[in-house]
PDB file of N, CA and C in Angstrom:
ATOM      1  N   MET A   1     -16.413  51.492  53.965  1.00  0.00           N
ATOM      2  CA  MET A   1     -15.363  50.905  53.275  1.00  0.00           C
ATOM      3  C   MET A   1     -15.026  51.920  52.058  1.00  0.00           C
ATOM      4  N   SER A   2     -16.074  52.426  51.516  1.00  0.00           N
ATOM      5  CA  SER A   2     -15.923  53.189  50.330  1.00  0.00           C
ATOM      6  C   SER A   2     -15.105  54.451  50.643  1.00  0.00           C
ATOM      7  N   TRP A   3     -15.309  54.946  51.818  1.00  0.00           N
ATOM      8  CA  TRP A   3     -14.419  56.232  52.199  1.00  0.00           C
ATOM      9  C   TRP A   3     -12.997  55.871  52.410  1.00  0.00           C
ATOM     10  N   ILE A   4     -12.797  54.892  52.953  1.00  0.00           N
ATOM     11  CA  ILE A   4     -11.258  54.330  53.041  1.00  0.00           C
ATOM     12  C   ILE A   4     -10.612  54.264  51.663  1.00  0.00           C
ATOM     13  N   VAL A   5     -11.397  53.528  50.794  1.00  0.00           N
ATOM     14  CA  VAL A   5     -10.772  53.183  49.506  1.00  0.00           C
ATOM     15  C   VAL A   5     -10.486  54.786  48.871  1.00  0.00           C
ATOM     16  N   LEU A   6     -11.583  55.510  48.866  1.00  0.00           N
ATOM     17  CA  LEU A   6     -11.433  56.934  48.331  1.00  0.00           C
ATOM     18  C   LEU A   6     -10.189  57.674  48.962  1.00  0.00           C
ATOM     19  N   VAL A   7     -10.223  57.608  50.209  1.00  0.00           N
ATOM     20  CA  VAL A   7      -8.883  58.316  50.783  1.00  0.00           C
ATOM     21  C   VAL A   7      -7.628  57.759  50.170  1.00  0.00           C
ATOM     22  N   LEU A   8      -7.504  56.430  50.254  1.00  0.00           N
ATOM     23  CA  LEU A   8      -6.265  55.849  49.746  1.00  0.00           C
ATOM     24  C   LEU A   8      -5.980  56.167  48.266  1.00  0.00           C
ATOM     25  N   SER A   9      -7.135  56.165  47.511  1.00  0.00           N
ATOM     26  CA  SER A   9      -7.040  56.628  46.077  1.00  0.00           C
ATOM     27  C   SER A   9      -6.552  58.032  45.914  1.00  0.00           C
ATOM     28  N   GLY A  10      -7.064  58.777  46.855  1.00  0.00           N
ATOM     29  CA  GLY A  10      -6.688  60.351  46.743  1.00  0.00           C
ATOM     30  C   GLY A  10      -5.116  60.328  47.213  1.00  0.00           C
ATOM     31  N   VAL A  11      -4.464  59.605  48.051  1.00  0.00           N
ATOM     32  CA  VAL A  11      -3.125  59.480  48.241  1.00  0.00           C
ATOM     33  C   VAL A  11      -2.451  59.056  47.051  1.00  0.00           C
ATOM     34  N   LEU A  12      -2.885  57.950  46.359  1.00  0.00           N
ATOM     35  CA  LEU A  12      -2.247  57.476  45.093  1.00  0.00           C
ATOM     36  C   LEU A  12      -2.365  58.583  44.008  1.00  0.00           C
ATOM     37  N   GLU A  13      -3.338  59.447  43.936  1.00  0.00           N
ATOM     38  CA  GLU A  13      -3.283  60.481  43.025  1.00  0.00           C
ATOM     39  C   GLU A  13      -2.217  61.405  43.275  1.00  0.00           C
ATOM     40  N   ALA A  14      -1.706  61.698  44.550  1.00  0.00           N
ATOM     41  CA  ALA A  14      -0.649  62.555  44.800  1.00  0.00           C
ATOM     42  C   ALA A  14       0.571  61.833  44.269  1.00  0.00           C
ATOM     43  N   VAL A  15       0.705  60.538  44.588  1.00  0.00           N
ATOM     44  CA  VAL A  15       1.922  59.768  44.154  1.00  0.00           C
ATOM     45  C   VAL A  15       1.971  59.889  42.548  1.00  0.00           C
ATOM     46  N   TRP A  16       1.018  59.662  41.788  1.00  0.00           N
ATOM     47  CA  TRP A  16       1.092  59.592  40.461  1.00  0.00           C
ATOM     48  C   TRP A  16       1.348  60.978  39.815  1.00  0.00           C
ATOM     49  N   ALA A  17       0.792  61.940  40.530  1.00  0.00           N
ATOM     50  CA  ALA A  17       1.097  63.338  40.102  1.00  0.00           C
ATOM     51  C   ALA A  17       2.603  63.820  40.258  1.00  0.00           C
ATOM     52  N   THR A  18       2.958  63.444  41.508  1.00  0.00           N
ATOM     53  CA  THR A  18       4.461  63.704  41.673  1.00  0.00           C
ATOM     54  C   THR A  18       5.294  62.977  40.757  1.00  0.00           C
ATOM     55  N   ALA A  19       4.919  61.647  40.515  1.00  0.00           N
ATOM     56  CA  ALA A  19       5.815  60.673  39.709  1.00  0.00           C
ATOM     57  C   ALA A  19       5.709  61.389  38.236  1.00  0.00           C
ATOM     58  N   LEU A  20       4.576  61.810  37.912  1.00  0.00           N
ATOM     59  CA  LEU A  20       4.376  62.455  36.500  1.00  0.00           C
ATOM     60  C   LEU A  20       5.325  63.544  36.379  1.00  0.00           C
ATOM     61  N   GLY A  21       5.526  64.417  37.329  1.00  0.00           N
ATOM     62  CA  GLY A  21       6.359  65.572  37.210  1.00  0.00           C
ATOM     63  C   GLY A  21       7.814  65.110  37.153  1.00  0.00           C
ATOM     64  N   ARG A  22       8.077  64.119  37.872  1.00  0.00           N
ATOM     65  CA  ARG A  22       9.396  63.499  37.982  1.00  0.00           C
ATOM     66  C   ARG A  22       9.875  62.601  36.843  1.00  0.00           C
ATOM     67  N   SER A  23       9.200  62.347  35.921  1.00  0.00           N
ATOM     68  CA  SER A  23       9.283  61.382  34.849  1.00  0.00           C
ATOM     69  C   SER A  23      10.014  62.131  33.774  1.00  0.00           C
ATOM     70  N   GLU A  24      10.096  63.446  33.718  1.00  0.00           N
ATOM     71  CA  GLU A  24      10.598  64.190  32.708  1.00  0.00           C
ATOM     72  C   GLU A  24      10.075  63.683  31.339  1.00  0.00           C
ATOM     73  N   GLY A  25       8.802  63.841  31.049  1.00  0.00           N
ATOM     74  CA  GLY A  25       8.224  63.546  29.914  1.00  0.00           C
ATOM     75  C   GLY A  25       8.227  61.922  29.635  1.00  0.00           C
ATOM     76  N   PHE A  26       8.107  61.086  30.557  1.00  0.00           N
ATOM     77  CA  PHE A  26       8.169  59.803  30.381  1.00  0.00           C
ATOM     78  C   PHE A  26       9.571  59.129  30.109  1.00  0.00           C
ATOM     79  N   THR A  27      10.707  60.006  30.288  1.00  0.00           N
ATOM     80  CA  THR A  27      11.896  59.412  29.772  1.00  0.00           C
ATOM     81  C   THR A  27      12.757  58.796  30.967  1.00  0.00           C
ATOM     82  N   ARG A  28      12.271  58.805  32.211  1.00  0.00           N
ATOM     83  CA  ARG A  28      12.862  58.185  33.187  1.00  0.00           C
ATOM     84  C   ARG A  28      12.040  57.017  33.662  1.00  0.00           C
ATOM     85  N   LEU A  29      12.757  55.776  33.764  1.00  0.00           N
ATOM     86  CA  LEU A  29      11.887  54.575  34.009  1.00  0.00           C
ATOM     87  C   LEU A  29      10.997  54.469  35.292  1.00  0.00           C
ATOM     88  N   VAL A  30      11.839  54.652  36.395  1.00  0.00           N
ATOM     89  CA  VAL A  30      11.228  54.321  37.718  1.00  0.00           C
ATOM     90  C   VAL A  30      10.069  55.508  37.980  1.00  0.00           C
ATOM     91  N   PRO A  31      10.191  56.594  37.637  1.00  0.00           N
ATOM     92  CA  PRO A  31       9.021  57.628  37.833  1.00  0.00           C
ATOM     93  C   PRO A  31       7.794  57.286  36.933  1.00  0.00           C
ATOM     94  N   THR A  32       8.198  56.704  35.649  1.00  0.00           N
ATOM     95  CA  THR A  32       7.159  56.590  34.705  1.00  0.00           C
ATOM     96  C   THR A  32       6.383  55.176  35.170  1.00  0.00           C
ATOM     97  N   LEU A  33       7.084  54.257  35.550  1.00  0.00           N
ATOM     98  CA  LEU A  33       6.381  52.972  36.056  1.00  0.00           C
ATOM     99  C   LEU A  33       5.566  53.206  37.394  1.00  0.00           C
ATOM    100  N   THR A  34       6.054  54.199  38.222  1.00  0.00           N
ATOM    101  CA  THR A  34       5.382  54.444  39.458  1.00  0.00           C
ATOM    102  C   THR A  34       4.226  55.319  39.092  1.00  0.00           C
ATOM    103  N   PHE A  35       4.212  56.193  38.219  1.00  0.00           N
ATOM    104  CA  PHE A  35       3.034  56.861  37.563  1.00  0.00           C
ATOM    105  C   PHE A  35       2.057  56.013  37.059  1.00  0.00           C
ATOM    106  N   GLY A  36       2.439  55.045  36.236  1.00  0.00           N
ATOM    107  CA  GLY A  36       1.382  54.246  35.646  1.00  0.00           C
ATOM    108  C   GLY A  36       0.689  53.323  36.697  1.00  0.00           C
ATOM    109  N   ILE A  37       1.500  52.756  37.618  1.00  0.00           N
ATOM    110  CA  ILE A  37       0.924  51.821  38.586  1.00  0.00           C
ATOM    111  C   ILE A  37      -0.070  52.652  39.558  1.00  0.00           C
ATOM    112  N   ALA A  38       0.445  53.785  39.938  1.00  0.00           N
ATOM    113  CA  ALA A  38      -0.381  54.540  40.878  1.00  0.00           C
ATOM    114  C   ALA A  38      -1.526  55.083  40.160  1.00  0.00           C
ATOM    115  N   LEU A  39      -1.528  55.468  38.870  1.00  0.00           N
ATOM    116  CA  LEU A  39      -2.639  56.002  38.190  1.00  0.00           C
ATOM    117  C   LEU A  39      -3.753  54.903  38.217  1.00  0.00           C
ATOM    118  N   VAL A  40      -3.361  53.727  37.648  1.00  0.00           N
ATOM    119  CA  VAL A  40      -4.306  52.709  37.605  1.00  0.00           C
ATOM    120  C   VAL A  40      -5.074  52.262  39.067  1.00  0.00           C
ATOM    121  N   LEU A  41      -4.166  52.155  39.868  1.00  0.00           N
ATOM    122  CA  LEU A  41      -4.745  51.894  41.220  1.00  0.00           C
ATOM    123  C   LEU A  41      -5.799  53.024  41.790  1.00  0.00           C
ATOM    124  N   SER A  42      -5.206  54.206  41.532  1.00  0.00           N
ATOM    125  CA  SER A  42      -6.016  55.451  42.015  1.00  0.00           C
ATOM    126  C   SER A  42      -7.406  55.487  41.372  1.00  0.00           C
ATOM    127  N   MET A  43      -7.267  55.382  40.040  1.00  0.00           N
ATOM    128  CA  MET A  43      -8.668  55.459  39.226  1.00  0.00           C
ATOM    129  C   MET A  43      -9.571  54.218  39.594  1.00  0.00           C
ATOM    130  N   GLY A  44      -8.936  53.101  39.636  1.00  0.00           N
ATOM    131  CA  GLY A  44      -9.668  51.904  40.150  1.00  0.00           C
ATOM    132  C   GLY A  44     -10.345  52.162  41.564  1.00  0.00           C
ATOM    133  N   GLY A  45      -9.620  52.586  42.429  1.00  0.00           N
ATOM    134  CA  GLY A  45     -10.238  53.068  43.804  1.00  0.00           C
ATOM    135  C   GLY A  45     -11.268  54.010  43.619  1.00  0.00           C
ATOM    136  N   LEU A  46     -11.060  55.063  42.940  1.00  0.00           N
ATOM    137  CA  LEU A  46     -12.123  56.070  42.732  1.00  0.00           C
ATOM    138  C   LEU A  46     -13.416  55.429  42.115  1.00  0.00           C
ATOM    139  N   ALA A  47     -13.173  54.500  40.965  1.00  0.00           N
ATOM    140  CA  ALA A  47     -14.392  53.819  40.478  1.00  0.00           C
ATOM    141  C   ALA A  47     -15.055  53.077  41.605  1.00  0.00           C
ATOM    142  N   PHE A  48     -14.428  52.379  42.416  1.00  0.00           N
ATOM    143  CA  PHE A  48     -14.895  51.531  43.488  1.00  0.00           C
ATOM    144  C   PHE A  48     -15.745  52.478  44.414  1.00  0.00           C
ATOM    145  N   ALA A  49     -15.236  53.487  44.783  1.00  0.00           N
ATOM    146  CA  ALA A  49     -15.944  54.291  45.874  1.00  0.00           C
ATOM    147  C   ALA A  49     -17.122  54.921  45.211  1.00  0.00           C
ATOM    148  N   MET A  50     -17.020  55.289  43.828  1.00  0.00           N
ATOM    149  CA  MET A  50     -18.240  55.913  43.299  1.00  0.00           C
ATOM    150  C   MET A  50     -19.513  54.979  43.316  1.00  0.00           C
ATOM    151  N   ARG A  51     -19.203  53.570  43.421  1.00  0.00           N
ATOM    152  CA  ARG A  51     -20.445  52.708  43.374  1.00  0.00           C
ATOM    153  C   ARG A  51     -21.290  53.070  44.688  1.00  0.00           C
ATOM    154  N   ASP A  52     -20.850  53.652  45.760  1.00  0.00           N
ATOM    155  CA  ASP A  52     -21.471  53.892  46.982  1.00  0.00           C
ATOM    156  C   ASP A  52     -21.700  55.431  47.201  1.00  0.00           C
ATOM    157  N   LEU A  53     -20.711  56.091  46.775  1.00  0.00           N
ATOM    158  CA  LEU A  53     -20.854  57.606  46.963  1.00  0.00           C
ATOM    159  C   LEU A  53     -21.152  58.433  45.844  1.00  0.00           C
ATOM    160  N   PRO A  54     -21.815  59.618  45.900  1.00  0.00           N
ATOM    161  CA  PRO A  54     -22.194  60.443  44.837  1.00  0.00           C
ATOM    162  C   PRO A  54     -20.923  60.852  43.901  1.00  0.00           C
ATOM    163  N   VAL A  55     -21.117  60.949  42.755  1.00  0.00           N
ATOM    164  CA  VAL A  55     -20.017  61.169  41.751  1.00  0.00           C
ATOM    165  C   VAL A  55     -19.331  62.550  42.221  1.00  0.00           C
ATOM    166  N   GLY A  56     -20.115  63.499  42.320  1.00  0.00           N
ATOM    167  CA  GLY A  56     -19.561  64.855  42.692  1.00  0.00           C
ATOM    168  C   GLY A  56     -18.775  64.912  43.905  1.00  0.00           C
ATOM    169  N   THR A  57     -19.219  64.214  44.966  1.00  0.00           N
ATOM    170  CA  THR A  57     -18.673  64.215  46.315  1.00  0.00           C
ATOM    171  C   THR A  57     -17.293  63.450  46.279  1.00  0.00           C
ATOM    172  N   ALA A  58     -17.393  62.346  45.621  1.00  0.00           N
ATOM    173  CA  ALA A  58     -16.298  61.234  45.455  1.00  0.00           C
ATOM    174  C   ALA A  58     -15.104  62.052  44.728  1.00  0.00           C
ATOM    175  N   TYR A  59     -15.531  62.625  43.597  1.00  0.00           N
ATOM    176  CA  TYR A  59     -14.526  63.306  42.768  1.00  0.00           C
ATOM    177  C   TYR A  59     -13.824  64.472  43.570  1.00  0.00           C
ATOM    178  N   ALA A  60     -14.677  65.266  44.065  1.00  0.00           N
ATOM    179  CA  ALA A  60     -14.039  66.372  44.807  1.00  0.00           C
ATOM    180  C   ALA A  60     -13.205  65.937  46.025  1.00  0.00           C
ATOM    181  N   VAL A  61     -13.492  64.940  46.722  1.00  0.00           N
ATOM    182  CA  VAL A  61     -12.687  64.480  47.748  1.00  0.00           C
ATOM    183  C   VAL A  61     -11.417  64.009  47.288  1.00  0.00           C
ATOM    184  N   TRP A  62     -11.501  63.197  46.139  1.00  0.00           N
ATOM    185  CA  TRP A  62     -10.341  62.437  45.512  1.00  0.00           C
ATOM    186  C   TRP A  62      -9.324  63.639  45.146  1.00  0.00           C
ATOM    187  N   VAL A  63      -9.819  64.516  44.425  1.00  0.00           N
ATOM    188  CA  VAL A  63      -8.999  65.585  43.804  1.00  0.00           C
ATOM    189  C   VAL A  63      -8.485  66.420  44.952  1.00  0.00           C
ATOM    190  N   GLY A  64      -9.187  66.648  45.981  1.00  0.00           N
ATOM    191  CA  GLY A  64      -8.834  67.582  47.088  1.00  0.00           C
ATOM    192  C   GLY A  64      -7.696  66.855  47.831  1.00  0.00           C
ATOM    193  N   ILE A  65      -7.874  65.690  48.129  1.00  0.00           N
ATOM    194  CA  ILE A  65      -6.719  64.878  48.923  1.00  0.00           C
ATOM    195  C   ILE A  65      -5.560  64.953  48.035  1.00  0.00           C
ATOM    196  N   GLY A  66      -5.684  64.533  46.750  1.00  0.00           N
ATOM    197  CA  GLY A  66      -4.412  64.562  45.830  1.00  0.00           C
ATOM    198  C   GLY A  66      -3.759  65.870  45.829  1.00  0.00           C
ATOM    199  N   ALA A  67      -4.557  67.028  45.507  1.00  0.00           N
ATOM    200  CA  ALA A  67      -3.978  68.281  45.460  1.00  0.00           C
ATOM    201  C   ALA A  67      -3.194  68.756  46.637  1.00  0.00           C
ATOM    202  N   VAL A  68      -3.895  68.620  47.881  1.00  0.00           N
ATOM    203  CA  VAL A  68      -3.267  68.926  49.103  1.00  0.00           C
ATOM    204  C   VAL A  68      -1.939  68.168  49.344  1.00  0.00           C
ATOM    205  N   LEU A  69      -1.842  66.881  49.219  1.00  0.00           N
ATOM    206  CA  LEU A  69      -0.740  66.166  49.340  1.00  0.00           C
ATOM    207  C   LEU A  69       0.316  66.304  48.210  1.00  0.00           C
ATOM    208  N   THR A  70      -0.124  66.694  47.127  1.00  0.00           N
ATOM    209  CA  THR A  70       0.866  66.917  46.041  1.00  0.00           C
ATOM    210  C   THR A  70       1.685  68.295  46.338  1.00  0.00           C
ATOM    211  N   VAL A  71       0.889  69.270  46.721  1.00  0.00           N
ATOM    212  CA  VAL A  71       1.388  70.630  46.863  1.00  0.00           C
ATOM    213  C   VAL A  71       2.162  70.625  48.324  1.00  0.00           C
ATOM    214  N   GLY A  72       1.653  69.868  49.301  1.00  0.00           N
ATOM    215  CA  GLY A  72       2.309  69.800  50.467  1.00  0.00           C
ATOM    216  C   GLY A  72       3.668  69.095  50.344  1.00  0.00           C
ATOM    217  N   TYR A  73       3.626  68.079  49.562  1.00  0.00           N
ATOM    218  CA  TYR A  73       5.049  67.352  49.437  1.00  0.00           C
ATOM    219  C   TYR A  73       5.816  68.340  48.547  1.00  0.00           C
ATOM    220  N   ALA A  74       5.464  68.993  47.631  1.00  0.00           N
ATOM    221  CA  ALA A  74       6.338  69.902  46.812  1.00  0.00           C
ATOM    222  C   ALA A  74       6.985  71.028  47.646  1.00  0.00           C
ATOM    223  N   MET A  75       6.027  71.501  48.702  1.00  0.00           N
ATOM    224  CA  MET A  75       6.511  72.692  49.522  1.00  0.00           C
ATOM    225  C   MET A  75       7.447  72.097  50.524  1.00  0.00           C
ATOM    226  N   ALA A  76       7.308  70.801  51.080  1.00  0.00           N
ATOM    227  CA  ALA A  76       8.049  70.261  52.191  1.00  0.00           C
ATOM    228  C   ALA A  76       9.598  70.002  51.427  1.00  0.00           C
ATOM    229  N   THR A  77       9.410  69.653  50.171  1.00  0.00           N
ATOM    230  CA  THR A  77      10.798  69.269  49.610  1.00  0.00           C
ATOM    231  C   THR A  77      11.523  70.542  49.008  1.00  0.00           C
ATOM    232  N   GLY A  78      10.712  71.732  48.894  1.00  0.00           N
ATOM    233  CA  GLY A  78      11.428  72.812  48.513  1.00  0.00           C
ATOM    234  C   GLY A  78      11.190  72.972  47.034  1.00  0.00           C
ATOM    235  N   ARG A  79      10.378  72.197  46.258  1.00  0.00           N
ATOM    236  CA  ARG A  79      10.205  72.399  44.776  1.00  0.00           C
ATOM    237  C   ARG A  79       9.119  73.408  44.409  1.00  0.00           C
ATOM    238  N   GLU A  80       8.494  73.737  45.693  1.00  0.00           N
ATOM    239  CA  GLU A  80       7.435  74.881  45.444  1.00  0.00           C
ATOM    240  C   GLU A  80       7.562  75.771  46.769  1.00  0.00           C
ATOM    241  N   PRO A  81       7.363  77.051  46.524  1.00  0.00           N
ATOM    242  CA  PRO A  81       7.427  78.113  47.531  1.00  0.00           C
ATOM    243  C   PRO A  81       6.503  77.794  48.668  1.00  0.00           C
ATOM    244  N   THR A  82       6.750  78.106  49.842  1.00  0.00           N
ATOM    245  CA  THR A  82       5.834  78.050  50.991  1.00  0.00           C
ATOM    246  C   THR A  82       5.713  79.486  51.500  1.00  0.00           C
ATOM    247  N   SER A  83       4.460  79.828  51.847  1.00  0.00           N
ATOM    248  CA  SER A  83       4.206  81.044  52.423  1.00  0.00           C
ATOM    249  C   SER A  83       2.912  80.876  53.261  1.00  0.00           C
ATOM    250  N   PRO A  84       2.624  81.850  54.179  1.00  0.00           N
ATOM    251  CA  PRO A  84       1.364  81.821  55.107  1.00  0.00           C
ATOM    252  C   PRO A  84       0.234  81.827  54.160  1.00  0.00           C
ATOM    253  N   LEU A  85       0.108  82.491  53.022  1.00  0.00           N
ATOM    254  CA  LEU A  85      -1.094  82.593  52.450  1.00  0.00           C
ATOM    255  C   LEU A  85      -1.236  81.366  51.653  1.00  0.00           C
ATOM    256  N   ARG A  86      -0.252  80.753  51.209  1.00  0.00           N
ATOM    257  CA  ARG A  86      -0.367  79.214  50.446  1.00  0.00           C
ATOM    258  C   ARG A  86      -0.806  78.298  51.501  1.00  0.00           C
ATOM    259  N   LEU A  87      -0.328  78.268  52.692  1.00  0.00           N
ATOM    260  CA  LEU A  87      -0.693  77.306  53.768  1.00  0.00           C
ATOM    261  C   LEU A  87      -2.257  77.640  54.031  1.00  0.00           C
ATOM    262  N   VAL A  88      -2.749  78.737  54.032  1.00  0.00           N
ATOM    263  CA  VAL A  88      -4.077  79.145  54.384  1.00  0.00           C
ATOM    264  C   VAL A  88      -4.962  78.452  53.239  1.00  0.00           C
ATOM    265  N   LEU A  89      -4.585  78.722  51.954  1.00  0.00           N
ATOM    266  CA  LEU A  89      -5.342  78.251  50.963  1.00  0.00           C
ATOM    267  C   LEU A  89      -5.350  76.644  50.831  1.00  0.00           C
ATOM    268  N   VAL A  90      -4.353  76.109  51.120  1.00  0.00           N
ATOM    269  CA  VAL A  90      -4.338  74.620  51.175  1.00  0.00           C
ATOM    270  C   VAL A  90      -5.203  74.175  52.308  1.00  0.00           C
ATOM    271  N   ALA A  91      -5.311  74.809  53.420  1.00  0.00           N
ATOM    272  CA  ALA A  91      -6.094  74.595  54.573  1.00  0.00           C
ATOM    273  C   ALA A  91      -7.628  74.616  54.161  1.00  0.00           C
ATOM    274  N   MET A  92      -7.974  75.547  53.382  1.00  0.00           N
ATOM    275  CA  MET A  92      -9.313  75.663  52.917  1.00  0.00           C
ATOM    276  C   MET A  92      -9.589  74.539  51.983  1.00  0.00           C
ATOM    277  N   ILE A  93      -8.790  74.046  51.296  1.00  0.00           N
ATOM    278  CA  ILE A  93      -9.191  72.784  50.345  1.00  0.00           C
ATOM    279  C   ILE A  93      -9.332  71.728  51.444  1.00  0.00           C
ATOM    280  N   VAL A  94      -8.597  71.521  52.517  1.00  0.00           N
ATOM    281  CA  VAL A  94      -8.644  70.434  53.547  1.00  0.00           C
ATOM    282  C   VAL A  94     -10.326  70.761  54.189  1.00  0.00           C
ATOM    283  N   ALA A  95     -10.415  71.866  54.443  1.00  0.00           N
ATOM    284  CA  ALA A  95     -11.718  72.253  55.065  1.00  0.00           C
ATOM    285  C   ALA A  95     -12.772  71.827  54.255  1.00  0.00           C
ATOM    286  N   GLY A  96     -12.756  72.150  53.009  1.00  0.00           N
ATOM    287  CA  GLY A  96     -13.768  71.642  51.947  1.00  0.00           C
ATOM    288  C   GLY A  96     -13.971  70.102  51.855  1.00  0.00           C
ATOM    289  N   VAL A  97     -12.928  69.496  51.811  1.00  0.00           N
ATOM    290  CA  VAL A  97     -12.927  68.123  51.864  1.00  0.00           C
ATOM    291  C   VAL A  97     -13.535  67.382  53.113  1.00  0.00           C
ATOM    292  N   VAL A  98     -13.090  67.923  54.280  1.00  0.00           N
ATOM    293  CA  VAL A  98     -13.704  67.599  55.502  1.00  0.00           C
ATOM    294  C   VAL A  98     -15.314  67.842  55.438  1.00  0.00           C
ATOM    295  N   GLY A  99     -15.578  68.937  55.139  1.00  0.00           N
ATOM    296  CA  GLY A  99     -16.949  69.494  54.987  1.00  0.00           C
ATOM    297  C   GLY A  99     -17.878  68.505  54.100  1.00  0.00           C
ATOM    298  N   LEU A 100     -17.329  68.190  53.037  1.00  0.00           N
ATOM    299  CA  LEU A 100     -18.100  67.223  52.178  1.00  0.00           C
ATOM    300  C   LEU A 100     -18.241  65.881  52.839  1.00  0.00           C
ATOM    301  N   LYS A 101     -17.287  65.461  53.554  1.00  0.00           N
ATOM    302  CA  LYS A 101     -17.351  64.077  54.320  1.00  0.00           C
ATOM    303  C   LYS A 101     -18.549  64.149  55.401  1.00  0.00           C
ATOM    304  N   LEU A 102     -18.428  65.469  56.085  1.00  0.00           N
ATOM    305  CA  LEU A 102     -19.385  65.624  57.216  1.00  0.00           C
ATOM    306  C   LEU A 102     -20.853  65.715  56.745  1.00  0.00           C
ATOM    307  N   THR A 103     -21.125  66.236  55.602  1.00  0.00           N
ATOM    308  CA  THR A 103     -22.350  66.480  55.158  1.00  0.00           C
ATOM    309  C   THR A 103     -22.934  65.360  54.304  1.00  0.00           C
ATOM    310  N   HIS A 104     -22.118  64.154  54.100  1.00  0.00           N
ATOM    311  CA  HIS A 104     -22.613  63.105  53.369  1.00  0.00           C
ATOM    312  C   HIS A 104     -23.405  62.259  54.337  1.00  0.00           C
TER     313      HIS A 104
END
């Protein structure tokens, strides 16, 4: 159960990070509210997962999922450039997250 909550919390990290960028310094209401709600839920889920998982592993997986989804979304929407090298580097993050799960 902790792994499922951790993965969902990582997804919510990508949501709040993207919403933070779109809030334009907290001047836009919907992205600001999305940021706040997703942040609280993401942190709560991370805290829940850390009751059963080592702190370092849980945090690295949470950050990795959030980072990969955030940059993936930004590349897919054209907000960030895409290149073969960038895709390889993102794949390396994914490999690290999977490796942490497999060695737990």
